[in-house]
C-alpha atoms as a PDB file:
ATOM      1  CA  MET A   1       6.323  12.629   7.009  1.00  0.00           C
ATOM      2  CA  SER A   2       7.347  14.733   3.904  1.00  0.00           C
ATOM      3  CA  ILE A   3       5.063  16.215   1.507  1.00  0.00           C
ATOM      4  CA  LEU A   4       6.477  16.214  -1.839  1.00  0.00           C
ATOM      5  CA  THR A   5       6.189  19.033  -4.052  1.00  0.00           C
ATOM      6  CA  LYS A   6       4.180  19.204  -7.294  1.00  0.00           C
ATOM      7  CA  THR A   7       7.366  19.102  -9.303  1.00  0.00           C
ATOM      8  CA  GLU A   8       8.676  15.702  -7.147  1.00  0.00           C
ATOM      9  CA  LEU A   9       5.537  14.152  -7.621  1.00  0.00           C
ATOM     10  CA  GLU A  10       6.128  14.489 -11.255  1.00  0.00           C
ATOM     11  CA  ILE A  11       9.494  13.408 -11.616  1.00  0.00           C
ATOM     12  CA  VAL A  12       8.109  10.347  -9.406  1.00  0.00           C
ATOM     13  CA  GLU A  13       5.036   9.789 -11.819  1.00  0.00           C
ATOM     14  CA  GLN A  14       7.427  10.411 -14.854  1.00  0.00           C
ATOM     15  CA  SER A  15      10.022   7.901 -13.832  1.00  0.00           C
ATOM     16  CA  GLU A  16       7.904   5.351 -14.338  1.00  0.00           C
ATOM     17  CA  VAL A  17       6.561   6.279 -17.487  1.00  0.00           C
ATOM     18  CA  GLU A  18      10.138   6.784 -18.702  1.00  0.00           C
ATOM     19  CA  ALA A  19      11.992   3.077 -17.253  1.00  0.00           C
ATOM     20  CA  LEU A  20       8.576   1.446 -18.752  1.00  0.00           C
ATOM     21  CA  GLU A  21       8.813   3.658 -21.958  1.00  0.00           C
ATOM     22  CA  ASP A  22      12.766   3.076 -22.664  1.00  0.00           C
ATOM     23  CA  ARG A  23      12.451  -1.045 -21.214  1.00  0.00           C
ATOM     24  CA  LEU A  24       9.773  -1.635 -24.497  1.00  0.00           C
ATOM     25  CA  MET A  25      11.481   0.575 -27.281  1.00  0.00           C
ATOM     26  CA  ARG A  26      14.490  -1.953 -26.783  1.00  0.00           C
ATOM     27  CA  VAL A  27      11.978  -4.554 -27.016  1.00  0.00           C
ATOM     28  CA  LYS A  28      10.187  -3.261 -30.077  1.00  0.00           C
ATOM     29  CA  GLY A  29      13.804  -3.321 -31.711  1.00  0.00           C
ATOM     30  CA  LEU A  30      13.991  -7.050 -31.422  1.00  0.00           C
ATOM     31  CA  ASN A  31      13.261  -9.466 -34.202  1.00  0.00           C
ATOM     32  CA  ASP A  32      11.034  -7.271 -35.853  1.00  0.00           C
ATOM     33  CA  ASN A  33       9.191  -6.468 -33.135  1.00  0.00           C
ATOM     34  CA  ALA A  34       8.635 -10.128 -32.378  1.00  0.00           C
ATOM     35  CA  MET A  35       7.055  -9.658 -28.949  1.00  0.00           C
ATOM     36  CA  GLY A  36       4.206  -7.170 -30.760  1.00  0.00           C
ATOM     37  CA  VAL A  37       5.254  -3.884 -28.433  1.00  0.00           C
ATOM     38  CA  GLU A  38       3.003  -0.511 -29.444  1.00  0.00           C
ATOM     39  CA  LEU A  39       2.938   2.612 -27.492  1.00  0.00           C
ATOM     40  CA  LYS A  40       0.727   5.388 -27.968  1.00  0.00           C
ATOM     41  CA  ARG A  41       0.465   9.208 -26.484  1.00  0.00           C
ATOM     42  CA  PHE A  42      -2.556  10.642 -25.449  1.00  0.00           C
ATOM     43  CA  GLY A  43      -0.965  14.110 -24.118  1.00  0.00           C
ATOM     44  CA  ASN A  44       1.022  13.180 -20.761  1.00  0.00           C
ATOM     45  CA  ALA A  45      -0.891   9.846 -20.810  1.00  0.00           C
ATOM     46  CA  VAL A  46       0.749   6.502 -22.771  1.00  0.00           C
ATOM     47  CA  ALA A  47      -0.731   3.591 -23.198  1.00  0.00           C
ATOM     48  CA  PHE A  48       1.716   0.684 -23.041  1.00  0.00           C
ATOM     49  CA  SER A  49       1.140  -2.668 -25.006  1.00  0.00           C
ATOM     50  CA  VAL A  50       2.774  -5.709 -25.417  1.00  0.00           C
ATOM     51  CA  LYS A  51       0.936  -8.364 -27.366  1.00  0.00           C
ATOM     52  CA  ASN A  52       2.836 -11.552 -26.823  1.00  0.00           C
ATOM     53  CA  ILE A  53       3.592 -11.021 -22.911  1.00  0.00           C
ATOM     54  CA  PRO A  54       0.388 -11.112 -21.418  1.00  0.00           C
ATOM     55  CA  GLY A  55      -0.690  -9.640 -18.051  1.00  0.00           C
ATOM     56  CA  PRO A  56      -0.845  -5.929 -16.722  1.00  0.00           C
ATOM     57  CA  SER A  57       3.447  -5.517 -16.183  1.00  0.00           C
ATOM     58  CA  PHE A  58       3.659  -3.940 -19.396  1.00  0.00           C
ATOM     59  CA  ASN A  59       0.025  -3.479 -20.707  1.00  0.00           C
ATOM     60  CA  THR A  60      -1.348  -0.554 -18.619  1.00  0.00           C
ATOM     61  CA  VAL A  61      -1.981   3.311 -18.803  1.00  0.00           C
ATOM     62  CA  LYS A  62       0.140   5.825 -17.306  1.00  0.00           C
ATOM     63  CA  GLY A  63       0.189   9.448 -16.597  1.00  0.00           C
ATOM     64  CA  ILE A  64      -3.877   9.252 -17.131  1.00  0.00           C
ATOM     65  CA  ARG A  65      -5.942  12.421 -15.782  1.00  0.00           C
ATOM     66  CA  GLU A  66      -8.918  14.558 -16.384  1.00  0.00           C
ATOM     67  CA  GLU A  67      -8.080  16.064 -19.411  1.00  0.00           C
ATOM     68  CA  ASN A  68      -8.015  12.437 -21.019  1.00  0.00           C
ATOM     69  CA  ILE A  69     -11.477  11.568 -20.549  1.00  0.00           C
ATOM     70  CA  ASP A  70     -12.169  12.431 -24.034  1.00  0.00           C
ATOM     71  CA  ASP A  71      -9.435  10.017 -25.214  1.00  0.00           C
ATOM     72  CA  LEU A  72     -10.951   6.965 -22.778  1.00  0.00           C
ATOM     73  CA  ASP A  73     -12.816   5.270 -25.950  1.00  0.00           C
ATOM     74  CA  GLU A  74      -9.914   5.997 -27.997  1.00  0.00           C
ATOM     75  CA  ILE A  75      -7.725   4.548 -25.605  1.00  0.00           C
ATOM     76  CA  VAL A  76      -9.900   1.359 -24.749  1.00  0.00           C
ATOM     77  CA  GLU A  77     -10.007   0.649 -28.422  1.00  0.00           C
ATOM     78  CA  PHE A  78      -6.407   0.757 -28.794  1.00  0.00           C
ATOM     79  CA  TYR A  79      -5.932  -2.283 -26.351  1.00  0.00           C
ATOM     80  CA  SER A  80      -9.705  -3.822 -27.843  1.00  0.00           C
ATOM     81  CA  ASN A  81      -7.692  -3.956 -31.206  1.00  0.00           C
ATOM     82  CA  ARG A  82      -4.475  -6.133 -29.679  1.00  0.00           C
ATOM     83  CA  GLY A  83      -7.096  -8.448 -27.854  1.00  0.00           C
ATOM     84  CA  ILE A  84      -5.708  -6.904 -24.297  1.00  0.00           C
ATOM     85  CA  PRO A  85      -8.001  -5.918 -21.582  1.00  0.00           C
ATOM     86  CA  ALA A  86      -7.023  -2.017 -20.502  1.00  0.00           C
ATOM     87  CA  ARG A  87      -5.903  -1.150 -17.243  1.00  0.00           C
ATOM     88  CA  PHE A  88      -5.222   2.014 -15.890  1.00  0.00           C
ATOM     89  CA  GLU A  89      -2.947   3.600 -13.162  1.00  0.00           C
ATOM     90  CA  VAL A  90      -4.390   6.967 -11.702  1.00  0.00           C
ATOM     91  CA  THR A  91      -1.856   8.742  -9.062  1.00  0.00           C
ATOM     92  CA  PRO A  92      -3.690  10.770  -6.716  1.00  0.00           C
ATOM     93  CA  GLY A  93      -2.519  14.013  -8.224  1.00  0.00           C
ATOM     94  CA  ASN A  94      -4.231  13.661 -10.883  1.00  0.00           C
ATOM     95  CA  ALA A  95      -7.118  11.804  -9.597  1.00  0.00           C
ATOM     96  CA  SER A  96     -10.373  13.609 -10.382  1.00  0.00           C
ATOM     97  CA  ARG A  97     -14.308  12.637  -9.568  1.00  0.00           C
ATOM     98  CA  ASP A  98     -15.177  12.978 -13.257  1.00  0.00           C
ATOM     99  CA  LEU A  99     -12.137  10.829 -14.330  1.00  0.00           C
ATOM    100  CA  PHE A 100     -13.335   8.000 -12.040  1.00  0.00           C
ATOM    101  CA  ARG A 101     -16.831   8.391 -12.969  1.00  0.00           C
ATOM    102  CA  LYS A 102     -15.979   8.225 -16.724  1.00  0.00           C
ATOM    103  CA  LEU A 103     -14.035   4.926 -16.025  1.00  0.00           C
ATOM    104  CA  SER A 104     -16.768   3.459 -14.163  1.00  0.00           C
ATOM    105  CA  THR A 105     -19.510   4.247 -16.741  1.00  0.00           C
ATOM    106  CA  MET A 106     -17.544   2.224 -19.178  1.00  0.00           C
ATOM    107  CA  GLY A 107     -17.508  -0.519 -16.877  1.00  0.00           C
ATOM    108  CA  PHE A 108     -14.156  -0.106 -15.192  1.00  0.00           C
ATOM    109  CA  PHE A 109     -13.847  -0.384 -11.162  1.00  0.00           C
ATOM    110  CA  GLN A 110     -10.597   0.256  -8.990  1.00  0.00           C
ATOM    111  CA  SER A 111      -9.218  -3.313  -8.272  1.00  0.00           C
ATOM    112  CA  GLY A 112      -6.154  -2.743  -6.332  1.00  0.00           C
ATOM    113  CA  PHE A 113      -3.343  -0.243  -5.402  1.00  0.00           C
ATOM    114  CA  HIS A 114       0.319   0.035  -6.176  1.00  0.00           C
ATOM    115  CA  THR A 115       2.853   2.151  -4.380  1.00  0.00           C
ATOM    116  CA  ALA A 116       5.580   4.484  -5.774  1.00  0.00           C
ATOM    117  CA  LEU A 117       8.381   5.658  -3.528  1.00  0.00           C
ATOM    118  CA  TYR A 118      11.206   7.807  -3.662  1.00  0.00           C
ATOM    119  CA  ARG A 119      14.424   8.985  -1.845  1.00  0.00           C
ATOM    120  CA  SER A 120      16.242  12.086  -2.583  1.00  0.00           C
ATOM    121  CA  LEU A 121      19.871  11.399  -2.644  1.00  0.00           C
ATOM    122  CA  SER A 122      20.960  15.124  -2.355  1.00  0.00           C
ATOM    123  CA  THR A 123      21.779  14.457   1.322  1.00  0.00           C
ATOM    124  CA  ASN A 124      22.768  11.240   3.112  1.00  0.00           C
ATOM    125  CA  GLU A 125      20.678  11.629   6.144  1.00  0.00           C
ATOM    126  CA  MET A 126      19.123   8.375   5.645  1.00  0.00           C
ATOM    127  CA  PRO A 127      20.685   5.183   7.522  1.00  0.00           C
ATOM    128  CA  MET A 128      22.391   2.774   4.935  1.00  0.00           C
ATOM    129  CA  VAL A 129      20.904  -0.816   6.003  1.00  0.00           C
ATOM    130  CA  LYS A 130      23.118  -3.508   5.516  1.00  0.00           C
ATOM    131  CA  GLY A 131      22.124  -6.925   3.634  1.00  0.00           C
ATOM    132  CA  GLY A 132      23.000 -10.299   5.161  1.00  0.00           C
ATOM    133  CA  SER A 133      26.603 -10.826   5.938  1.00  0.00           C
ATOM    134  CA  ALA A 134      27.189 -13.856   3.464  1.00  0.00           C
ATOM    135  CA  THR A 135      25.368 -11.546   0.308  1.00  0.00           C
ATOM    136  CA  GLN A 136      28.035 -10.360  -2.376  1.00  0.00           C
ATOM    137  CA  ILE A 137      26.672  -8.100  -5.245  1.00  0.00           C
ATOM    138  CA  GLU A 138      28.328  -8.088  -8.708  1.00  0.00           C
ATOM    139  CA  GLU A 139      27.307  -6.586 -11.989  1.00  0.00           C
ATOM    140  CA  ILE A 140      25.891  -9.205 -14.718  1.00  0.00           C
ATOM    141  CA  SER A 141      28.451  -9.260 -17.569  1.00  0.00           C
ATOM    142  CA  LEU A 142      27.160  -9.513 -21.312  1.00  0.00           C
ATOM    143  CA  GLU A 143      29.047 -12.978 -20.998  1.00  0.00           C
ATOM    144  CA  ASN A 144      27.046 -14.487 -18.170  1.00  0.00           C
ATOM    145  CA  PHE A 145      24.141 -12.488 -18.687  1.00  0.00           C
ATOM    146  CA  ASP A 146      21.725 -16.480 -18.884  1.00  0.00           C
ATOM    147  CA  LEU A 147      22.260 -16.091 -15.125  1.00  0.00           C
ATOM    148  CA  PHE A 148      19.918 -13.103 -14.866  1.00  0.00           C
ATOM    149  CA  GLY A 149      17.114 -15.502 -17.062  1.00  0.00           C
ATOM    150  CA  GLU A 150      17.741 -18.412 -14.893  1.00  0.00           C
ATOM    151  CA  ILE A 151      17.468 -16.251 -11.474  1.00  0.00           C
ATOM    152  CA  TYR A 152      14.121 -14.264 -12.806  1.00  0.00           C
ATOM    153  CA  THR A 153      12.315 -17.163 -13.962  1.00  0.00           C
ATOM    154  CA  LYS A 154      13.220 -19.142 -10.446  1.00  0.00           C
ATOM    155  CA  GLY A 155      12.050 -15.921  -8.073  1.00  0.00           C
ATOM    156  CA  PHE A 156       9.219 -15.198  -9.717  1.00  0.00           C
ATOM    157  CA  GLY A 157       7.664 -18.891 -10.433  1.00  0.00           C
ATOM    158  CA  MET A 158       8.012 -18.844 -13.889  1.00  0.00           C
ATOM    159  CA  PRO A 159       8.217 -21.741 -16.086  1.00  0.00           C
ATOM    160  CA  VAL A 160      11.828 -22.915 -17.106  1.00  0.00           C
ATOM    161  CA  ALA A 161      11.146 -22.718 -20.994  1.00  0.00           C
ATOM    162  CA  PHE A 162      10.771 -18.917 -20.433  1.00  0.00           C
ATOM    163  CA  LYS A 163      14.302 -18.499 -19.423  1.00  0.00           C
ATOM    164  CA  ASP A 164      15.787 -17.940 -22.816  1.00  0.00           C
ATOM    165  CA  PHE A 165      12.746 -15.306 -23.267  1.00  0.00           C
ATOM    166  CA  VAL A 166      13.432 -13.280 -20.167  1.00  0.00           C
ATOM    167  CA  THR A 167      17.147 -13.497 -20.942  1.00  0.00           C
ATOM    168  CA  ALA A 168      16.918 -12.257 -24.541  1.00  0.00           C
ATOM    169  CA  ASN A 169      14.623  -9.197 -23.650  1.00  0.00           C
ATOM    170  CA  ASN A 170      17.093  -7.981 -21.045  1.00  0.00           C
ATOM    171  CA  ARG A 171      20.228  -8.593 -22.324  1.00  0.00           C
ATOM    172  CA  VAL A 172      18.988  -5.441 -24.792  1.00  0.00           C
ATOM    173  CA  LEU A 173      18.854  -3.376 -22.387  1.00  0.00           C
ATOM    174  CA  ALA A 174      22.004  -4.370 -20.876  1.00  0.00           C
ATOM    175  CA  GLU A 175      23.740  -3.342 -23.740  1.00  0.00           C
ATOM    176  CA  ARG A 176      22.651   0.149 -22.798  1.00  0.00           C
ATOM    177  CA  ASP A 177      24.673   2.382 -20.316  1.00  0.00           C
ATOM    178  CA  ASN A 178      21.652   3.731 -18.652  1.00  0.00           C
ATOM    179  CA  TRP A 179      20.529   0.276 -17.641  1.00  0.00           C
ATOM    180  CA  THR A 180      22.909  -2.036 -15.176  1.00  0.00           C
ATOM    181  CA  PHE A 181      22.208  -5.593 -13.592  1.00  0.00           C
ATOM    182  CA  HIS A 182      23.015  -7.094 -10.630  1.00  0.00           C
ATOM    183  CA  LEU A 183      23.276 -10.439  -9.189  1.00  0.00           C
ATOM    184  CA  ALA A 184      23.586 -11.249  -5.540  1.00  0.00           C
ATOM    185  CA  ARG A 185      25.156 -14.277  -4.050  1.00  0.00           C
ATOM    186  CA  VAL A 186      25.053 -16.200  -0.920  1.00  0.00           C
ATOM    187  CA  ASP A 187      27.916 -17.838   0.190  1.00  0.00           C
ATOM    188  CA  GLY A 188      29.103 -17.624  -3.479  1.00  0.00           C
ATOM    189  CA  GLU A 189      25.592 -19.427  -4.755  1.00  0.00           C
ATOM    190  CA  PRO A 190      23.456 -17.045  -7.211  1.00  0.00           C
ATOM    191  CA  ALA A 191      20.131 -15.891  -4.737  1.00  0.00           C
ATOM    192  CA  GLY A 192      18.934 -13.016  -6.666  1.00  0.00           C
ATOM    193  CA  ILE A 193      18.898 -10.464  -9.313  1.00  0.00           C
ATOM    194  CA  ALA A 194      18.323  -6.458  -9.332  1.00  0.00           C
ATOM    195  CA  VAL A 195      18.034  -3.707 -12.054  1.00  0.00           C
ATOM    196  CA  LEU A 196      18.641  -0.258 -11.816  1.00  0.00           C
ATOM    197  CA  PHE A 197      17.670   2.514 -14.774  1.00  0.00           C
ATOM    198  CA  ARG A 198      18.847   5.842 -14.534  1.00  0.00           C
ATOM    199  CA  LYS A 199      18.110   8.780 -16.715  1.00  0.00           C
ATOM    200  CA  ASN A 200      18.073  12.675 -16.256  1.00  0.00           C
ATOM    201  CA  GLY A 201      19.469  12.421 -12.766  1.00  0.00           C
ATOM    202  CA  ILE A 202      16.576  10.115 -11.811  1.00  0.00           C
ATOM    203  CA  ALA A 203      17.431   6.582 -10.764  1.00  0.00           C
ATOM    204  CA  THR A 204      14.702   3.689 -10.792  1.00  0.00           C
ATOM    205  CA  LEU A 205      14.870   0.520  -9.164  1.00  0.00           C
ATOM    206  CA  ALA A 206      13.633  -1.335 -12.450  1.00  0.00           C
ATOM    207  CA  ALA A 207      13.015  -4.826 -11.380  1.00  0.00           C
ATOM    208  CA  SER A 208      14.236  -7.493  -8.349  1.00  0.00           C
ATOM    209  CA  ALA A 209      13.803 -10.909  -7.634  1.00  0.00           C
ATOM    210  CA  THR A 210      15.198 -13.652  -4.937  1.00  0.00           C
ATOM    211  CA  VAL A 211      15.454 -17.375  -5.535  1.00  0.00           C
ATOM    212  CA  PRO A 212      12.894 -18.912  -3.353  1.00  0.00           C
ATOM    213  CA  GLU A 213      15.336 -20.588  -0.851  1.00  0.00           C
ATOM    214  CA  TYR A 214      17.475 -17.552  -0.099  1.00  0.00           C
ATOM    215  CA  ARG A 215      14.626 -15.142   1.065  1.00  0.00           C
ATOM    216  CA  ASN A 216      14.438 -13.796   4.321  1.00  0.00           C
ATOM    217  CA  LYS A 217      18.399 -13.614   4.533  1.00  0.00           C
ATOM    218  CA  GLY A 218      19.002  -9.986   3.392  1.00  0.00           C
ATOM    219  CA  VAL A 219      19.003 -10.495  -0.211  1.00  0.00           C
ATOM    220  CA  GLN A 220      16.732  -7.816  -1.438  1.00  0.00           C
ATOM    221  CA  THR A 221      18.001  -5.409   1.067  1.00  0.00           C
ATOM    222  CA  ALA A 222      21.512  -5.725  -0.027  1.00  0.00           C
ATOM    223  CA  LEU A 223      20.603  -5.457  -4.084  1.00  0.00           C
ATOM    224  CA  ILE A 224      18.507  -2.429  -3.011  1.00  0.00           C
ATOM    225  CA  GLN A 225      21.117  -0.742  -1.158  1.00  0.00           C
ATOM    226  CA  LYS A 226      24.137  -1.499  -4.216  1.00  0.00           C
ATOM    227  CA  ARG A 227      21.784  -0.013  -6.597  1.00  0.00           C
ATOM    228  CA  ILE A 228      21.269   3.392  -4.075  1.00  0.00           C
ATOM    229  CA  GLN A 229      25.137   3.545  -3.772  1.00  0.00           C
ATOM    230  CA  THR A 230      25.126   2.904  -7.781  1.00  0.00           C
ATOM    231  CA  ALA A 231      22.666   5.988  -7.952  1.00  0.00           C
ATOM    232  CA  ILE A 232      24.844   8.481  -5.510  1.00  0.00           C
ATOM    233  CA  ASP A 233      27.875   7.496  -7.103  1.00  0.00           C
ATOM    234  CA  GLU A 234      26.245   8.645 -10.422  1.00  0.00           C
ATOM    235  CA  ASP A 235      25.284  11.647  -8.919  1.00  0.00           C
ATOM    236  CA  CYS A 236      21.596  11.045  -9.355  1.00  0.00           C
ATOM    237  CA  GLN A 237      19.362  13.355  -7.268  1.00  0.00           C
ATOM    238  CA  TYR A 238      16.288  10.821  -6.666  1.00  0.00           C
ATOM    239  CA  ILE A 239      15.958   7.219  -6.539  1.00  0.00           C
ATOM    240  CA  ILE A 240      12.637   5.593  -7.303  1.00  0.00           C
ATOM    241  CA  GLY A 241      10.692   2.221  -6.711  1.00  0.00           C
ATOM    242  CA  GLN A 242       7.378   0.808  -7.153  1.00  0.00           C
ATOM    243  CA  ALA A 243       5.915  -2.020  -5.177  1.00  0.00           C
ATOM    244  CA  ALA A 244       2.477  -3.837  -4.389  1.00  0.00           C
ATOM    245  CA  PHE A 245       1.001  -1.884  -2.005  1.00  0.00           C
ATOM    246  CA  GLY A 246       1.887  -3.106   1.795  1.00  0.00           C
ATOM    247  CA  SER A 247       4.666  -5.870  -0.019  1.00  0.00           C
ATOM    248  CA  VAL A 248       7.956  -7.155   1.344  1.00  0.00           C
ATOM    249  CA  SER A 249       9.103  -5.402  -1.447  1.00  0.00           C
ATOM    250  CA  GLN A 250       7.854  -2.015  -0.529  1.00  0.00           C
ATOM    251  CA  LYS A 251       8.951  -2.411   3.738  1.00  0.00           C
ATOM    252  CA  ASN A 252      12.326  -3.432   2.095  1.00  0.00           C
ATOM    253  CA  MET A 253      12.851   0.081   0.186  1.00  0.00           C
ATOM    254  CA  GLU A 254      11.122   1.568   3.282  1.00  0.00           C
ATOM    255  CA  ARG A 255      13.870   0.167   4.784  1.00  0.00           C
ATOM    256  CA  ALA A 256      16.594   1.695   2.764  1.00  0.00           C
ATOM    257  CA  GLY A 257      15.195   5.244   3.364  1.00  0.00           C
ATOM    258  CA  LEU A 258      12.551   5.352   0.423  1.00  0.00           C
ATOM    259  CA  LYS A 259       9.398   6.859   1.441  1.00  0.00           C
ATOM    260  CA  VAL A 260       5.752   6.416   0.145  1.00  0.00           C
ATOM    261  CA  ALA A 261       5.472   9.185  -2.575  1.00  0.00           C
ATOM    262  CA  TYR A 262       1.705   8.084  -3.328  1.00  0.00           C
ATOM    263  CA  THR A 263      -0.326   4.806  -4.041  1.00  0.00           C
ATOM    264  CA  ASN A 264      -1.768   4.470  -7.719  1.00  0.00           C
ATOM    265  CA  ALA A 265      -5.452   3.429  -8.163  1.00  0.00           C
ATOM    266  CA  VAL A 266      -5.595   0.389 -10.508  1.00  0.00           C
ATOM    267  CA  TRP A 267      -8.334   0.461 -13.031  1.00  0.00           C
ATOM    268  CA  GLU A 268      -9.572  -2.340 -14.450  1.00  0.00           C
ATOM    269  CA  LYS A 269     -12.611  -4.248 -16.688  1.00  0.00           C
ATOM    270  CA  PHE A 270     -15.193  -5.521 -14.623  1.00  0.00           C
END
């Protein structure tokens, strides 16, 4: 198991921040910020908030560290003013006893873990893992982008009514050169989607979903491999991914040559 340098750890963490920041700033520009997107920086920490998209995916603090202890009251107030519970992701490199003690005294507790993974693309020493032989991958064009919202909502078990909302909030990203959206088909039928974000030579596996009836057929593996190849073709130095600890997504990324960079500690309010 290789040990990341401090610089590599910072690259992995910064990729998480930059991918989410780029996404939300694009969404903020839609319909006079109808989604209620707000971002606030506290040194290296960034508080992300999307008032009209509840849940932890977009409402979280990344980059928090010991020097932010005096900012914690203001950060919590930032979320309280928006009626959203504060949530912190703390990397091992930024963790400290004093930071955790302060969060505890404010009524927060560690509620879970989230894994960050990475792979250097400077060499191709890792084996390329193939997806299912019946899986074909294509880039989703703006003309057929409705397919993205359809597959995404099916894959995550969301109500059908959310399809247009998901489509619109991702179409604005597809219009940018540093975001690429892929569609997987199995025997010609739409089976899964995946997203790749690139910035400053770093590629991020931004999202992926598979329709339930096509799971365990190599769809996600094929989508990961396609995005790795795209990153290599565009001369990216690293590819980064995030997954729930011990999840199928983490295992698929590891099979494709990504290694665990670190595991975030997730802190939420009692």
